[in-house]
Amino acid sequence: MKRLFWLGVGLAAGSYVARRANAAAQALTPAGVGANLADGLRELGAGIGAFGAEIRAGMDERERELSAMVERQTGTRLPSYADALREPAPAAVPAPRGARPSPRARARRAGA
């Protein structure tokens, strides 16, 4: 019975060592090195993205705090950064007196 136990232990240890050696050999091939490099770059990109998201969240929070402080002290509302980036609505420019509409404009009115 003792021999059977040690045979099982030897088989398990041999299997473990063979798997680890195969994985190490695979990691040293060009494909394995490329896969490890790709995994590392993927993790780096995810970390940079998370860092950027944290920075943006902190900036937004600080902007709200500063806007609230200015609004409390001055009584006027400041536009947010997103409001400042939005393009203003185009103002309707009246046509000069006596100007004729373009043929295209007339065609649209006739079809409408």
PDB file of N, CA and C in Angstrom:
ATOM      1  N   MET A   1       0.818  -1.179   0.000  1.00  0.00           N
ATOM      2  CA  MET A   1       0.000   0.000   0.000  1.00  0.00           C
ATOM      3  C   MET A   1       0.867   1.250   0.000  1.00  0.00           C
ATOM      4  N   LYS A   2       2.000   1.175   0.732  1.00  0.00           N
ATOM      5  CA  LYS A   2       2.888   2.313   0.811  1.00  0.00           C
ATOM      6  C   LYS A   2       3.483   2.619  -0.563  1.00  0.00           C
ATOM      7  N   ARG A   3       3.822   1.584  -1.303  1.00  0.00           N
ATOM      8  CA  ARG A   3       4.395   1.787  -2.642  1.00  0.00           C
ATOM      9  C   ARG A   3       3.377   2.428  -3.578  1.00  0.00           C
ATOM     10  N   LEU A   4       2.130   2.026  -3.477  1.00  0.00           N
ATOM     11  CA  LEU A   4       1.077   2.598  -4.320  1.00  0.00           C
ATOM     12  C   LEU A   4       0.895   4.085  -4.010  1.00  0.00           C
ATOM     13  N   PHE A   5       0.974   4.443  -2.728  1.00  0.00           N
ATOM     14  CA  PHE A   5       0.876   5.852  -2.352  1.00  0.00           C
ATOM     15  C   PHE A   5       2.004   6.656  -2.972  1.00  0.00           C
ATOM     16  N   TRP A   6       3.236   6.182  -2.855  1.00  0.00           N
ATOM     17  CA  TRP A   6       4.374   6.923  -3.396  1.00  0.00           C
ATOM     18  C   TRP A   6       4.357   6.942  -4.918  1.00  0.00           C
ATOM     19  N   LEU A   7       3.820   5.915  -5.520  1.00  0.00           N
ATOM     20  CA  LEU A   7       3.661   5.927  -6.978  1.00  0.00           C
ATOM     21  C   LEU A   7       2.691   7.044  -7.375  1.00  0.00           C
ATOM     22  N   GLY A   8       1.586   7.198  -6.653  1.00  0.00           N
ATOM     23  CA  GLY A   8       0.617   8.267  -6.932  1.00  0.00           C
ATOM     24  C   GLY A   8       1.232   9.636  -6.724  1.00  0.00           C
ATOM     25  N   VAL A   9       2.002   9.795  -5.649  1.00  0.00           N
ATOM     26  CA  VAL A   9       2.670  11.078  -5.380  1.00  0.00           C
ATOM     27  C   VAL A   9       3.660  11.378  -6.491  1.00  0.00           C
ATOM     28  N   GLY A  10       4.407  10.383  -6.918  1.00  0.00           N
ATOM     29  CA  GLY A  10       5.391  10.576  -7.994  1.00  0.00           C
ATOM     30  C   GLY A  10       4.713  10.944  -9.307  1.00  0.00           C
ATOM     31  N   LEU A  11       3.592  10.293  -9.628  1.00  0.00           N
ATOM     32  CA  LEU A  11       2.871  10.621 -10.854  1.00  0.00           C
ATOM     33  C   LEU A  11       2.321  12.046 -10.810  1.00  0.00           C
ATOM     34  N   ALA A  12       1.777  12.435  -9.682  1.00  0.00           N
ATOM     35  CA  ALA A  12       1.232  13.789  -9.541  1.00  0.00           C
ATOM     36  C   ALA A  12       2.348  14.827  -9.658  1.00  0.00           C
ATOM     37  N   ALA A  13       3.459  14.592  -8.976  1.00  0.00           N
ATOM     38  CA  ALA A  13       4.574  15.539  -9.026  1.00  0.00           C
ATOM     39  C   ALA A  13       5.155  15.601 -10.434  1.00  0.00           C
ATOM     40  N   GLY A  14       5.292  14.458 -11.076  1.00  0.00           N
ATOM     41  CA  GLY A  14       5.816  14.426 -12.446  1.00  0.00           C
ATOM     42  C   GLY A  14       4.903  15.158 -13.410  1.00  0.00           C
ATOM     43  N   SER A  15       3.621  14.976 -13.258  1.00  0.00           N
ATOM     44  CA  SER A  15       2.653  15.657 -14.112  1.00  0.00           C
ATOM     45  C   SER A  15       2.730  17.176 -13.901  1.00  0.00           C
ATOM     46  N   TYR A  16       2.845  17.588 -12.633  1.00  0.00           N
ATOM     47  CA  TYR A  16       2.927  19.021 -12.323  1.00  0.00           C
ATOM     48  C   TYR A  16       4.197  19.629 -12.917  1.00  0.00           C
ATOM     49  N   VAL A  17       5.330  18.944 -12.733  1.00  0.00           N
ATOM     50  CA  VAL A  17       6.608  19.453 -13.255  1.00  0.00           C
ATOM     51  C   VAL A  17       6.584  19.496 -14.778  1.00  0.00           C
ATOM     52  N   ALA A  18       6.006  18.488 -15.419  1.00  0.00           N
ATOM     53  CA  ALA A  18       5.943  18.462 -16.886  1.00  0.00           C
ATOM     54  C   ALA A  18       5.066  19.607 -17.401  1.00  0.00           C
ATOM     55  N   ARG A  19       3.958  19.871 -16.753  1.00  0.00           N
ATOM     56  CA  ARG A  19       3.087  20.983 -17.175  1.00  0.00           C
ATOM     57  C   ARG A  19       3.784  22.323 -17.008  1.00  0.00           C
ATOM     58  N   ARG A  20       4.477  22.500 -15.872  1.00  0.00           N
ATOM     59  CA  ARG A  20       5.177  23.768 -15.636  1.00  0.00           C
ATOM     60  C   ARG A  20       6.316  23.952 -16.639  1.00  0.00           C
ATOM     61  N   ALA A  21       7.032  22.885 -16.950  1.00  0.00           N
ATOM     62  CA  ALA A  21       8.126  22.973 -17.923  1.00  0.00           C
ATOM     63  C   ALA A  21       7.570  23.293 -19.308  1.00  0.00           C
ATOM     64  N   ASN A  22       6.453  22.680 -19.674  1.00  0.00           N
ATOM     65  CA  ASN A  22       5.836  22.950 -20.971  1.00  0.00           C
ATOM     66  C   ASN A  22       5.372  24.408 -21.050  1.00  0.00           C
ATOM     67  N   ALA A  23       4.790  24.927 -19.968  1.00  0.00           N
ATOM     68  CA  ALA A  23       4.337  26.322 -19.956  1.00  0.00           C
ATOM     69  C   ALA A  23       5.525  27.274 -20.058  1.00  0.00           C
ATOM     70  N   ALA A  24       6.631  26.965 -19.363  1.00  0.00           N
ATOM     71  CA  ALA A  24       7.822  27.809 -19.425  1.00  0.00           C
ATOM     72  C   ALA A  24       8.426  27.779 -20.825  1.00  0.00           C
ATOM     73  N   ALA A  25       8.455  26.616 -21.452  1.00  0.00           N
ATOM     74  CA  ALA A  25       8.989  26.511 -22.811  1.00  0.00           C
ATOM     75  C   ALA A  25       8.097  27.278 -23.790  1.00  0.00           C
ATOM     76  N   GLN A  26       6.811  27.197 -23.605  1.00  0.00           N
ATOM     77  CA  GLN A  26       5.867  27.929 -24.470  1.00  0.00           C
ATOM     78  C   GLN A  26       6.046  29.434 -24.306  1.00  0.00           C
ATOM     79  N   ALA A  27       6.311  29.879 -23.067  1.00  0.00           N
ATOM     80  CA  ALA A  27       6.475  31.313 -22.811  1.00  0.00           C
ATOM     81  C   ALA A  27       7.738  31.856 -23.477  1.00  0.00           C
ATOM     82  N   LEU A  28       8.713  31.006 -23.744  1.00  0.00           N
ATOM     83  CA  LEU A  28       9.959  31.465 -24.347  1.00  0.00           C
ATOM     84  C   LEU A  28       9.940  31.435 -25.874  1.00  0.00           C
ATOM     85  N   THR A  29       8.897  30.908 -26.467  1.00  0.00           N
ATOM     86  CA  THR A  29       8.784  30.929 -27.928  1.00  0.00           C
ATOM     87  C   THR A  29       8.364  32.328 -28.369  1.00  0.00           C
ATOM     88  N   PRO A  30       8.592  32.681 -29.635  1.00  0.00           N
ATOM     89  CA  PRO A  30       8.174  34.011 -30.102  1.00  0.00           C
ATOM     90  C   PRO A  30       6.678  34.271 -29.917  1.00  0.00           C
ATOM     91  N   ALA A  31       5.856  33.260 -30.134  1.00  0.00           N
ATOM     92  CA  ALA A  31       4.416  33.434 -29.938  1.00  0.00           C
ATOM     93  C   ALA A  31       4.092  33.678 -28.470  1.00  0.00           C
ATOM     94  N   GLY A  32       4.761  32.958 -27.585  1.00  0.00           N
ATOM     95  CA  GLY A  32       4.539  33.137 -26.155  1.00  0.00           C
ATOM     96  C   GLY A  32       4.991  34.509 -25.679  1.00  0.00           C
ATOM     97  N   VAL A  33       6.148  34.963 -26.178  1.00  0.00           N
ATOM     98  CA  VAL A  33       6.641  36.293 -25.813  1.00  0.00           C
ATOM     99  C   VAL A  33       5.670  37.356 -26.311  1.00  0.00           C
ATOM    100  N   GLY A  34       5.180  37.183 -27.538  1.00  0.00           N
ATOM    101  CA  GLY A  34       4.220  38.139 -28.094  1.00  0.00           C
ATOM    102  C   GLY A  34       2.929  38.170 -27.297  1.00  0.00           C
ATOM    103  N   ALA A  35       2.455  37.004 -26.876  1.00  0.00           N
ATOM    104  CA  ALA A  35       1.228  36.942 -26.079  1.00  0.00           C
ATOM    105  C   ALA A  35       1.424  37.633 -24.727  1.00  0.00           C
ATOM    106  N   ASN A  36       2.588  37.396 -24.095  1.00  0.00           N
ATOM    107  CA  ASN A  36       2.872  38.050 -22.819  1.00  0.00           C
ATOM    108  C   ASN A  36       2.963  39.560 -22.986  1.00  0.00           C
ATOM    109  N   LEU A  37       3.593  39.996 -24.056  1.00  0.00           N
ATOM    110  CA  LEU A  37       3.710  41.427 -24.326  1.00  0.00           C
ATOM    111  C   LEU A  37       2.334  42.044 -24.582  1.00  0.00           C
ATOM    112  N   ALA A  38       1.513  41.342 -25.361  1.00  0.00           N
ATOM    113  CA  ALA A  38       0.166  41.843 -25.649  1.00  0.00           C
ATOM    114  C   ALA A  38      -0.666  41.937 -24.370  1.00  0.00           C
ATOM    115  N   ASP A  39      -0.553  40.947 -23.499  1.00  0.00           N
ATOM    116  CA  ASP A  39      -1.279  40.988 -22.222  1.00  0.00           C
ATOM    117  C   ASP A  39      -0.822  42.163 -21.364  1.00  0.00           C
ATOM    118  N   GLY A  40       0.481  42.380 -21.340  1.00  0.00           N
ATOM    119  CA  GLY A  40       1.014  43.494 -20.563  1.00  0.00           C
ATOM    120  C   GLY A  40       0.543  44.838 -21.098  1.00  0.00           C
ATOM    121  N   LEU A  41       0.563  44.981 -22.413  1.00  0.00           N
ATOM    122  CA  LEU A  41       0.098  46.237 -23.007  1.00  0.00           C
ATOM    123  C   LEU A  41      -1.396  46.447 -22.786  1.00  0.00           C
ATOM    124  N   ARG A  42      -2.168  45.373 -22.833  1.00  0.00           N
ATOM    125  CA  ARG A  42      -3.604  45.465 -22.591  1.00  0.00           C
ATOM    126  C   ARG A  42      -3.868  45.935 -21.155  1.00  0.00           C
ATOM    127  N   GLU A  43      -3.130  45.366 -20.197  1.00  0.00           N
ATOM    128  CA  GLU A  43      -3.282  45.778 -18.806  1.00  0.00           C
ATOM    129  C   GLU A  43      -2.851  47.227 -18.614  1.00  0.00           C
ATOM    130  N   LEU A  44      -1.775  47.633 -19.290  1.00  0.00           N
ATOM    131  CA  LEU A  44      -1.303  49.012 -19.192  1.00  0.00           C
ATOM    132  C   LEU A  44      -2.349  49.973 -19.747  1.00  0.00           C
ATOM    133  N   GLY A  45      -2.931  49.621 -20.898  1.00  0.00           N
ATOM    134  CA  GLY A  45      -3.965  50.460 -21.490  1.00  0.00           C
ATOM    135  C   GLY A  45      -5.184  50.587 -20.594  1.00  0.00           C
ATOM    136  N   ALA A  46      -5.572  49.489 -19.970  1.00  0.00           N
ATOM    137  CA  ALA A  46      -6.714  49.529 -19.053  1.00  0.00           C
ATOM    138  C   ALA A  46      -6.404  50.402 -17.843  1.00  0.00           C
ATOM    139  N   GLY A  47      -5.182  50.310 -17.354  1.00  0.00           N
ATOM    140  CA  GLY A  47      -4.788  51.134 -16.210  1.00  0.00           C
ATOM    141  C   GLY A  47      -4.760  52.613 -16.563  1.00  0.00           C
ATOM    142  N   ILE A  48      -4.250  52.941 -17.747  1.00  0.00           N
ATOM    143  CA  ILE A  48      -4.221  54.337 -18.176  1.00  0.00           C
ATOM    144  C   ILE A  48      -5.637  54.859 -18.374  1.00  0.00           C
ATOM    145  N   GLY A  49      -6.509  54.032 -18.948  1.00  0.00           N
ATOM    146  CA  GLY A  49      -7.905  54.441 -19.128  1.00  0.00           C
ATOM    147  C   GLY A  49      -8.593  54.692 -17.799  1.00  0.00           C
ATOM    148  N   ALA A  50      -8.359  53.821 -16.830  1.00  0.00           N
ATOM    149  CA  ALA A  50      -8.964  54.002 -15.505  1.00  0.00           C
ATOM    150  C   ALA A  50      -8.415  55.262 -14.837  1.00  0.00           C
ATOM    151  N   PHE A  51      -7.108  55.512 -14.999  1.00  0.00           N
ATOM    152  CA  PHE A  51      -6.512  56.716 -14.432  1.00  0.00           C
ATOM    153  C   PHE A  51      -7.132  57.964 -15.056  1.00  0.00           C
ATOM    154  N   GLY A  52      -7.316  57.963 -16.366  1.00  0.00           N
ATOM    155  CA  GLY A  52      -7.931  59.095 -17.047  1.00  0.00           C
ATOM    156  C   GLY A  52      -9.365  59.315 -16.588  1.00  0.00           C
ATOM    157  N   ALA A  53     -10.100  58.231 -16.376  1.00  0.00           N
ATOM    158  CA  ALA A  53     -11.478  58.353 -15.899  1.00  0.00           C
ATOM    159  C   ALA A  53     -11.507  58.959 -14.495  1.00  0.00           C
ATOM    160  N   GLU A  54     -10.571  58.556 -13.643  1.00  0.00           N
ATOM    161  CA  GLU A  54     -10.497  59.124 -12.291  1.00  0.00           C
ATOM    162  C   GLU A  54     -10.172  60.612 -12.355  1.00  0.00           C
ATOM    163  N   ILE A  55      -9.261  60.985 -13.233  1.00  0.00           N
ATOM    164  CA  ILE A  55      -8.887  62.399 -13.381  1.00  0.00           C
ATOM    165  C   ILE A  55     -10.096  63.212 -13.847  1.00  0.00           C
ATOM    166  N   ARG A  56     -10.803  62.712 -14.873  1.00  0.00           N
ATOM    167  CA  ARG A  56     -11.978  63.439 -15.385  1.00  0.00           C
ATOM    168  C   ARG A  56     -13.051  63.575 -14.316  1.00  0.00           C
ATOM    169  N   ALA A  57     -13.268  62.517 -13.540  1.00  0.00           N
ATOM    170  CA  ALA A  57     -14.275  62.576 -12.479  1.00  0.00           C
ATOM    171  C   ALA A  57     -13.883  63.618 -11.431  1.00  0.00           C
ATOM    172  N   GLY A  58     -12.611  63.651 -11.069  1.00  0.00           N
ATOM    173  CA  GLY A  58     -12.141  64.645 -10.112  1.00  0.00           C
ATOM    174  C   GLY A  58     -12.259  66.060 -10.656  1.00  0.00           C
ATOM    175  N   MET A  59     -11.951  66.235 -11.941  1.00  0.00           N
ATOM    176  CA  MET A  59     -12.073  67.565 -12.553  1.00  0.00           C
ATOM    177  C   MET A  59     -13.522  68.026 -12.559  1.00  0.00           C
ATOM    178  N   ASP A  60     -14.431  67.126 -12.905  1.00  0.00           N
ATOM    179  CA  ASP A  60     -15.857  67.481 -12.923  1.00  0.00           C
ATOM    180  C   ASP A  60     -16.345  67.868 -11.528  1.00  0.00           C
ATOM    181  N   GLU A  61     -15.924  67.091 -10.538  1.00  0.00           N
ATOM    182  CA  GLU A  61     -16.341  67.388  -9.174  1.00  0.00           C
ATOM    183  C   GLU A  61     -15.794  68.745  -8.720  1.00  0.00           C
ATOM    184  N   ARG A  62     -14.529  69.003  -9.003  1.00  0.00           N
ATOM    185  CA  ARG A  62     -13.927  70.280  -8.605  1.00  0.00           C
ATOM    186  C   ARG A  62     -14.582  71.444  -9.349  1.00  0.00           C
ATOM    187  N   GLU A  63     -14.916  71.238 -10.632  1.00  0.00           N
ATOM    188  CA  GLU A  63     -15.580  72.290 -11.396  1.00  0.00           C
ATOM    189  C   GLU A  63     -16.943  72.623 -10.775  1.00  0.00           C
ATOM    190  N   ARG A  64     -17.688  71.605 -10.363  1.00  0.00           N
ATOM    191  CA  ARG A  64     -18.975  71.847  -9.711  1.00  0.00           C
ATOM    192  C   ARG A  64     -18.793  72.604  -8.395  1.00  0.00           C
ATOM    193  N   GLU A  65     -17.768  72.227  -7.620  1.00  0.00           N
ATOM    194  CA  GLU A  65     -17.509  72.918  -6.358  1.00  0.00           C
ATOM    195  C   GLU A  65     -17.185  74.393  -6.597  1.00  0.00           C
ATOM    196  N   LEU A  66     -16.304  74.664  -7.559  1.00  0.00           N
ATOM    197  CA  LEU A  66     -15.914  76.042  -7.833  1.00  0.00           C
ATOM    198  C   LEU A  66     -17.082  76.843  -8.398  1.00  0.00           C
ATOM    199  N   SER A  67     -17.878  76.228  -9.259  1.00  0.00           N
ATOM    200  CA  SER A  67     -19.043  76.926  -9.814  1.00  0.00           C
ATOM    201  C   SER A  67     -20.040  77.276  -8.717  1.00  0.00           C
ATOM    202  N   ALA A  68     -20.252  76.352  -7.796  1.00  0.00           N
ATOM    203  CA  ALA A  68     -21.181  76.612  -6.691  1.00  0.00           C
ATOM    204  C   ALA A  68     -20.656  77.743  -5.815  1.00  0.00           C
ATOM    205  N   MET A  69     -19.342  77.761  -5.581  1.00  0.00           N
ATOM    206  CA  MET A  69     -18.759  78.811  -4.755  1.00  0.00           C
ATOM    207  C   MET A  69     -18.908  80.181  -5.433  1.00  0.00           C
ATOM    208  N   VAL A  70     -18.626  80.245  -6.726  1.00  0.00           N
ATOM    209  CA  VAL A  70     -18.755  81.510  -7.456  1.00  0.00           C
ATOM    210  C   VAL A  70     -20.211  81.940  -7.493  1.00  0.00           C
ATOM    211  N   GLU A  71     -21.113  80.998  -7.685  1.00  0.00           N
ATOM    212  CA  GLU A  71     -22.534  81.334  -7.734  1.00  0.00           C
ATOM    213  C   GLU A  71     -23.017  81.867  -6.382  1.00  0.00           C
ATOM    214  N   ARG A  72     -22.543  81.255  -5.289  1.00  0.00           N
ATOM    215  CA  ARG A  72     -22.918  81.733  -3.957  1.00  0.00           C
ATOM    216  C   ARG A  72     -22.395  83.149  -3.711  1.00  0.00           C
ATOM    217  N   GLN A  73     -21.165  83.408  -4.156  1.00  0.00           N
ATOM    218  CA  GLN A  73     -20.566  84.699  -3.848  1.00  0.00           C
ATOM    219  C   GLN A  73     -21.031  85.815  -4.778  1.00  0.00           C
ATOM    220  N   THR A  74     -21.309  85.497  -6.045  1.00  0.00           N
ATOM    221  CA  THR A  74     -21.672  86.541  -7.002  1.00  0.00           C
ATOM    222  C   THR A  74     -23.153  86.555  -7.334  1.00  0.00           C
ATOM    223  N   GLY A  75     -23.812  85.432  -7.165  1.00  0.00           N
ATOM    224  CA  GLY A  75     -25.229  85.356  -7.493  1.00  0.00           C
ATOM    225  C   GLY A  75     -25.495  85.096  -8.969  1.00  0.00           C
ATOM    226  N   THR A  76     -24.461  84.873  -9.768  1.00  0.00           N
ATOM    227  CA  THR A  76     -24.656  84.566 -11.195  1.00  0.00           C
ATOM    228  C   THR A  76     -24.210  83.148 -11.459  1.00  0.00           C
ATOM    229  N   ARG A  77     -24.879  82.524 -12.394  1.00  0.00           N
ATOM    230  CA  ARG A  77     -24.564  81.136 -12.748  1.00  0.00           C
ATOM    231  C   ARG A  77     -23.485  81.117 -13.815  1.00  0.00           C
ATOM    232  N   LEU A  78     -22.450  80.323 -13.589  1.00  0.00           N
ATOM    233  CA  LEU A  78     -21.398  80.156 -14.581  1.00  0.00           C
ATOM    234  C   LEU A  78     -21.755  79.002 -15.511  1.00  0.00           C
ATOM    235  N   PRO A  79     -21.472  79.134 -16.795  1.00  0.00           N
ATOM    236  CA  PRO A  79     -21.706  77.987 -17.678  1.00  0.00           C
ATOM    237  C   PRO A  79     -20.672  76.902 -17.398  1.00  0.00           C
ATOM    238  N   SER A  80     -21.075  75.668 -17.555  1.00  0.00           N
ATOM    239  CA  SER A  80     -20.134  74.569 -17.360  1.00  0.00           C
ATOM    240  C   SER A  80     -19.223  74.472 -18.572  1.00  0.00           C
ATOM    241  N   TYR A  81     -18.219  73.646 -18.455  1.00  0.00           N
ATOM    242  CA  TYR A  81     -17.275  73.454 -19.554  1.00  0.00           C
ATOM    243  C   TYR A  81     -17.995  72.877 -20.772  1.00  0.00           C
ATOM    244  N   ALA A  82     -18.927  71.965 -20.539  1.00  0.00           N
ATOM    245  CA  ALA A  82     -19.689  71.370 -21.641  1.00  0.00           C
ATOM    246  C   ALA A  82     -20.565  72.437 -22.306  1.00  0.00           C
ATOM    247  N   ASP A  83     -21.144  73.343 -21.492  1.00  0.00           N
ATOM    248  CA  ASP A  83     -21.945  74.425 -22.072  1.00  0.00           C
ATOM    249  C   ASP A  83     -21.081  75.342 -22.930  1.00  0.00           C
ATOM    250  N   ALA A  84     -19.874  75.598 -22.472  1.00  0.00           N
ATOM    251  CA  ALA A  84     -18.986  76.486 -23.210  1.00  0.00           C
ATOM    252  C   ALA A  84     -18.560  75.866 -24.540  1.00  0.00           C
ATOM    253  N   LEU A  85     -18.470  74.553 -24.596  1.00  0.00           N
ATOM    254  CA  LEU A  85     -18.045  73.886 -25.834  1.00  0.00           C
ATOM    255  C   LEU A  85     -19.164  73.766 -26.857  1.00  0.00           C
ATOM    256  N   ARG A  86     -20.404  73.826 -26.395  1.00  0.00           N
ATOM    257  CA  ARG A  86     -21.525  73.706 -27.321  1.00  0.00           C
ATOM    258  C   ARG A  86     -21.556  74.890 -28.267  1.00  0.00           C
ATOM    259  N   GLU A  87     -21.859  74.621 -29.515  1.00  0.00           N
ATOM    260  CA  GLU A  87     -21.963  75.704 -30.489  1.00  0.00           C
ATOM    261  C   GLU A  87     -23.284  76.424 -30.287  1.00  0.00           C
ATOM    262  N   PRO A  88     -23.253  77.744 -30.379  1.00  0.00           N
ATOM    263  CA  PRO A  88     -24.517  78.470 -30.211  1.00  0.00           C
ATOM    264  C   PRO A  88     -25.454  78.178 -31.377  1.00  0.00           C
ATOM    265  N   ALA A  89     -26.739  78.310 -31.121  1.00  0.00           N
ATOM    266  CA  ALA A  89     -27.733  78.084 -32.170  1.00  0.00           C
ATOM    267  C   ALA A  89     -27.566  79.166 -33.230  1.00  0.00           C
ATOM    268  N   PRO A  90     -27.616  78.791 -34.496  1.00  0.00           N
ATOM    269  CA  PRO A  90     -27.443  79.797 -35.543  1.00  0.00           C
ATOM    270  C   PRO A  90     -28.592  80.801 -35.513  1.00  0.00           C
ATOM    271  N   ALA A  91     -28.232  82.061 -35.550  1.00  0.00           N
ATOM    272  CA  ALA A  91     -29.246  83.113 -35.545  1.00  0.00           C
ATOM    273  C   ALA A  91     -29.807  83.260 -36.947  1.00  0.00           C
ATOM    274  N   ALA A  92     -31.101  83.479 -37.025  1.00  0.00           N
ATOM    275  CA  ALA A  92     -31.745  83.659 -38.327  1.00  0.00           C
ATOM    276  C   ALA A  92     -31.358  85.035 -38.865  1.00  0.00           C
ATOM    277  N   VAL A  93     -30.780  85.051 -40.050  1.00  0.00           N
ATOM    278  CA  VAL A  93     -30.373  86.302 -40.678  1.00  0.00           C
ATOM    279  C   VAL A  93     -31.466  86.703 -41.652  1.00  0.00           C
ATOM    280  N   PRO A  94     -32.081  87.879 -41.453  1.00  0.00           N
ATOM    281  CA  PRO A  94     -33.144  88.284 -42.375  1.00  0.00           C
ATOM    282  C   PRO A  94     -32.562  88.622 -43.746  1.00  0.00           C
ATOM    283  N   ALA A  95     -33.315  88.287 -44.770  1.00  0.00           N
ATOM    284  CA  ALA A  95     -32.881  88.579 -46.143  1.00  0.00           C
ATOM    285  C   ALA A  95     -33.006  90.081 -46.379  1.00  0.00           C
ATOM    286  N   PRO A  96     -32.082  90.649 -47.147  1.00  0.00           N
ATOM    287  CA  PRO A  96     -32.189  92.079 -47.439  1.00  0.00           C
ATOM    288  C   PRO A  96     -33.464  92.355 -48.238  1.00  0.00           C
ATOM    289  N   ARG A  97     -33.965  93.579 -48.112  1.00  0.00           N
ATOM    290  CA  ARG A  97     -35.199  93.945 -48.815  1.00  0.00           C
ATOM    291  C   ARG A  97     -34.977  93.887 -50.317  1.00  0.00           C
ATOM    292  N   GLY A  98     -35.955  93.355 -50.991  1.00  0.00           N
ATOM    293  CA  GLY A  98     -35.906  93.291 -52.450  1.00  0.00           C
ATOM    294  C   GLY A  98     -35.081  92.134 -52.980  1.00  0.00           C
ATOM    295  N   ALA A  99     -34.475  91.337 -52.097  1.00  0.00           N
ATOM    296  CA  ALA A  99     -33.671  90.207 -52.565  1.00  0.00           C
ATOM    297  C   ALA A  99     -34.600  89.074 -52.965  1.00  0.00           C
ATOM    298  N   ARG A 100     -34.244  88.429 -54.045  1.00  0.00           N
ATOM    299  CA  ARG A 100     -35.052  87.302 -54.521  1.00  0.00           C
ATOM    300  C   ARG A 100     -34.475  86.018 -53.947  1.00  0.00           C
ATOM    301  N   PRO A 101     -35.309  85.100 -53.551  1.00  0.00           N
ATOM    302  CA  PRO A 101     -34.810  83.821 -53.034  1.00  0.00           C
ATOM    303  C   PRO A 101     -34.142  83.034 -54.157  1.00  0.00           C
ATOM    304  N   SER A 102     -33.228  82.171 -53.765  1.00  0.00           N
ATOM    305  CA  SER A 102     -32.542  81.354 -54.767  1.00  0.00           C
ATOM    306  C   SER A 102     -33.551  80.390 -55.396  1.00  0.00           C
ATOM    307  N   PRO A 103     -33.285  79.932 -56.630  1.00  0.00           N
ATOM    308  CA  PRO A 103     -34.218  78.990 -57.272  1.00  0.00           C
ATOM    309  C   PRO A 103     -34.432  77.732 -56.434  1.00  0.00           C
ATOM    310  N   ARG A 104     -33.424  77.330 -55.720  1.00  0.00           N
ATOM    311  CA  ARG A 104     -33.555  76.135 -54.893  1.00  0.00           C
ATOM    312  C   ARG A 104     -34.563  76.379 -53.770  1.00  0.00           C
ATOM    313  N   ALA A 105     -34.501  77.543 -53.140  1.00  0.00           N
ATOM    314  CA  ALA A 105     -35.432  77.867 -52.072  1.00  0.00           C
ATOM    315  C   ALA A 105     -36.865  77.908 -52.609  1.00  0.00           C
ATOM    316  N   ARG A 106     -37.036  78.473 -53.815  1.00  0.00           N
ATOM    317  CA  ARG A 106     -38.377  78.514 -54.388  1.00  0.00           C
ATOM    318  C   ARG A 106     -38.889  77.120 -54.652  1.00  0.00           C
ATOM    319  N   ALA A 107     -38.028  76.226 -55.104  1.00  0.00           N
ATOM    320  CA  ALA A 107     -38.451  74.859 -55.407  1.00  0.00           C
ATOM    321  C   ALA A 107     -38.893  74.146 -54.131  1.00  0.00           C
ATOM    322  N   ARG A 108     -38.216  74.405 -53.035  1.00  0.00           N
ATOM    323  CA  ARG A 108     -38.601  73.765 -51.786  1.00  0.00           C
ATOM    324  C   ARG A 108     -39.945  74.280 -51.304  1.00  0.00           C
ATOM    325  N   ARG A 109     -40.185  75.574 -51.469  1.00  0.00           N
ATOM    326  CA  ARG A 109     -41.464  76.114 -51.032  1.00  0.00           C
ATOM    327  C   ARG A 109     -42.602  75.588 -51.883  1.00  0.00           C
ATOM    328  N   ALA A 110     -42.353  75.446 -53.148  1.00  0.00           N
ATOM    329  CA  ALA A 110     -43.412  74.982 -54.048  1.00  0.00           C
ATOM    330  C   ALA A 110     -43.777  73.528 -53.729  1.00  0.00           C
ATOM    331  N   GLY A 111     -42.778  72.749 -53.376  1.00  0.00           N
ATOM    332  CA  GLY A 111     -43.036  71.330 -53.086  1.00  0.00           C
ATOM    333  C   GLY A 111     -43.618  71.123 -51.706  1.00  0.00           C
ATOM    334  N   ALA A 112     -43.529  72.088 -50.855  1.00  0.00           N
ATOM    335  CA  ALA A 112     -43.977  71.906 -49.470  1.00  0.00           C
ATOM    336  C   ALA A 112     -45.449  72.099 -49.284  1.00  0.00           C
TER     337      ALA A 112
END
